[in-house]
C-alpha atoms as a PDB file:
ATOM      1  CA  MET A   1     105.662 172.788   9.786  1.00  0.00           C
ATOM      2  CA  ALA A   2     106.634 174.602   6.663  1.00  0.00           C
ATOM      3  CA  ALA A   3     108.632 177.134   8.550  1.00  0.00           C
ATOM      4  CA  ALA A   4     110.555 174.441  10.514  1.00  0.00           C
ATOM      5  CA  LYS A   5     111.394 172.588   7.245  1.00  0.00           C
ATOM      6  CA  ALA A   6     112.380 175.865   5.559  1.00  0.00           C
ATOM      7  CA  GLY A   7     114.578 176.726   8.397  1.00  0.00           C
ATOM      8  CA  TRP A   8     116.298 173.339   8.486  1.00  0.00           C
ATOM      9  CA  LEU A   9     116.783 173.469   4.679  1.00  0.00           C
ATOM     10  CA  GLN A  10     118.251 177.121   4.977  1.00  0.00           C
ATOM     11  CA  ASN A  11     120.555 176.012   7.709  1.00  0.00           C
ATOM     12  CA  ARG A  12     121.930 173.169   5.705  1.00  0.00           C
ATOM     13  CA  SER A  13     122.374 175.541   2.720  1.00  0.00           C
ATOM     14  CA  VAL A  14     124.291 178.116   4.971  1.00  0.00           C
ATOM     15  CA  ASN A  15     126.498 175.403   6.400  1.00  0.00           C
ATOM     16  CA  ARG A  16     127.410 174.261   2.833  1.00  0.00           C
ATOM     17  CA  SER A  17     128.861 177.761   2.177  1.00  0.00           C
ATOM     18  CA  GLN A  18     131.283 177.207   4.957  1.00  0.00           C
ATOM     19  CA  ASP A  19     134.534 175.422   4.022  1.00  0.00           C
ATOM     20  CA  ASN A  20     135.097 173.594   7.169  1.00  0.00           C
ATOM     21  CA  TYR A  21     131.526 172.175   7.185  1.00  0.00           C
ATOM     22  CA  LEU A  22     131.578 171.364   3.553  1.00  0.00           C
ATOM     23  CA  ALA A  23     134.937 169.521   3.892  1.00  0.00           C
ATOM     24  CA  GLY A  24     133.650 167.599   6.942  1.00  0.00           C
ATOM     25  CA  THR A  25     130.517 166.597   5.196  1.00  0.00           C
ATOM     26  CA  LEU A  26     132.452 165.521   1.916  1.00  0.00           C
ATOM     27  CA  ASN A  27     134.860 163.460   4.204  1.00  0.00           C
ATOM     28  CA  GLY A  28     132.041 161.891   6.194  1.00  0.00           C
ATOM     29  CA  ASN A  29     130.235 161.101   2.925  1.00  0.00           C
ATOM     30  CA  LEU A  30     133.304 159.452   1.470  1.00  0.00           C
ATOM     31  CA  PHE A  31     133.731 157.405   4.664  1.00  0.00           C
ATOM     32  CA  LEU A  32     130.005 156.424   4.562  1.00  0.00           C
ATOM     33  CA  LYS A  33     130.137 155.744   0.728  1.00  0.00           C
ATOM     34  CA  ARG A  34     127.629 158.434   0.098  1.00  0.00           C
ATOM     35  CA  THR A  35     127.578 160.976  -2.665  1.00  0.00           C
ATOM     36  CA  VAL A  36     126.415 164.624  -2.735  1.00  0.00           C
ATOM     37  CA  LEU A  37     123.235 163.239  -4.399  1.00  0.00           C
ATOM     38  CA  TRP A  38     122.486 161.471  -1.077  1.00  0.00           C
ATOM     39  CA  GLU A  39     122.419 164.807   0.628  1.00  0.00           C
ATOM     40  CA  GLN A  40     119.978 166.212  -1.989  1.00  0.00           C
ATOM     41  CA  GLU A  41     117.772 163.043  -1.558  1.00  0.00           C
ATOM     42  CA  LEU A  42     117.694 163.595   2.222  1.00  0.00           C
ATOM     43  CA  GLU A  43     116.675 167.197   1.885  1.00  0.00           C
ATOM     44  CA  ASP A  44     113.905 166.193  -0.696  1.00  0.00           C
ATOM     45  CA  LYS A  45     112.584 163.466   1.689  1.00  0.00           C
ATOM     46  CA  VAL A  46     112.471 165.801   4.727  1.00  0.00           C
ATOM     47  CA  ASN A  47     110.756 168.402   2.712  1.00  0.00           C
ATOM     48  CA  ALA A  48     108.093 166.013   1.445  1.00  0.00           C
ATOM     49  CA  LEU A  49     107.102 164.765   5.005  1.00  0.00           C
ATOM     50  CA  THR A  50     103.645 165.501   6.321  1.00  0.00           C
ATOM     51  CA  PRO A  51     102.822 166.606   9.772  1.00  0.00           C
ATOM     52  CA  THR A  52     101.251 163.212  10.348  1.00  0.00           C
ATOM     53  CA  GLN A  53     104.480 161.300   9.323  1.00  0.00           C
ATOM     54  CA  ILE A  54     106.570 163.504  11.574  1.00  0.00           C
ATOM     55  CA  GLN A  55     104.169 162.981  14.588  1.00  0.00           C
ATOM     56  CA  GLU A  56     104.192 159.159  13.951  1.00  0.00           C
ATOM     57  CA  ALA A  57     108.041 159.213  13.957  1.00  0.00           C
ATOM     58  CA  MET A  58     108.178 161.256  17.091  1.00  0.00           C
ATOM     59  CA  LYS A  59     105.682 158.940  18.916  1.00  0.00           C
ATOM     60  CA  LYS A  60     107.852 155.955  17.795  1.00  0.00           C
ATOM     61  CA  HIS A  61     111.154 157.233  18.750  1.00  0.00           C
ATOM     62  CA  ILE A  62     110.697 159.761  21.609  1.00  0.00           C
ATOM     63  CA  SER A  63     109.244 158.765  24.984  1.00  0.00           C
ATOM     64  CA  LEU A  64     107.950 161.751  26.810  1.00  0.00           C
ATOM     65  CA  ASP A  65     108.342 159.914  30.207  1.00  0.00           C
ATOM     66  CA  LYS A  66     112.023 159.749  29.554  1.00  0.00           C
ATOM     67  CA  ILE A  67     112.612 163.473  28.918  1.00  0.00           C
ATOM     68  CA  SER A  68     113.772 165.727  31.648  1.00  0.00           C
ATOM     69  CA  ILE A  69     112.750 169.389  31.743  1.00  0.00           C
ATOM     70  CA  VAL A  70     114.953 171.741  33.585  1.00  0.00           C
ATOM     71  CA  LYS A  71     114.148 175.283  34.351  1.00  0.00           C
ATOM     72  CA  ALA A  72     116.931 177.674  35.579  1.00  0.00           C
ATOM     73  CA  GLY A  73     117.204 181.191  36.476  1.00  0.00           C
ATOM     74  CA  GLU A  74     115.978 183.933  39.012  1.00  0.00           C
ATOM     75  CA  PHE A  75     112.206 183.211  39.244  1.00  0.00           C
ATOM     76  CA  SER A  76     111.446 185.543  42.251  1.00  0.00           C
ATOM     77  CA  LYS A  77     111.844 188.659  39.993  1.00  0.00           C
ATOM     78  CA  ASN A  78     108.835 187.526  37.923  1.00  0.00           C
ATOM     79  CA  LYS A  79     106.344 187.447  40.869  1.00  0.00           C
END
């Protein structure tokens, strides 16, 4: 869990270093009446999540019976 959260946070940090992403985020935040502080608060909240909280949210919002799994490729080579 720690690695996933660290990766997500690092991705956001890298994105902020790209002008086009940063401009889009600032523009979106203006439209949604959010500040840069909102972005920091989001990151703090995600970083504070426990595995139990994440599991509960997954159960609430994701139905495994509605997920499709597709496998593609040449499988005869692996036999």
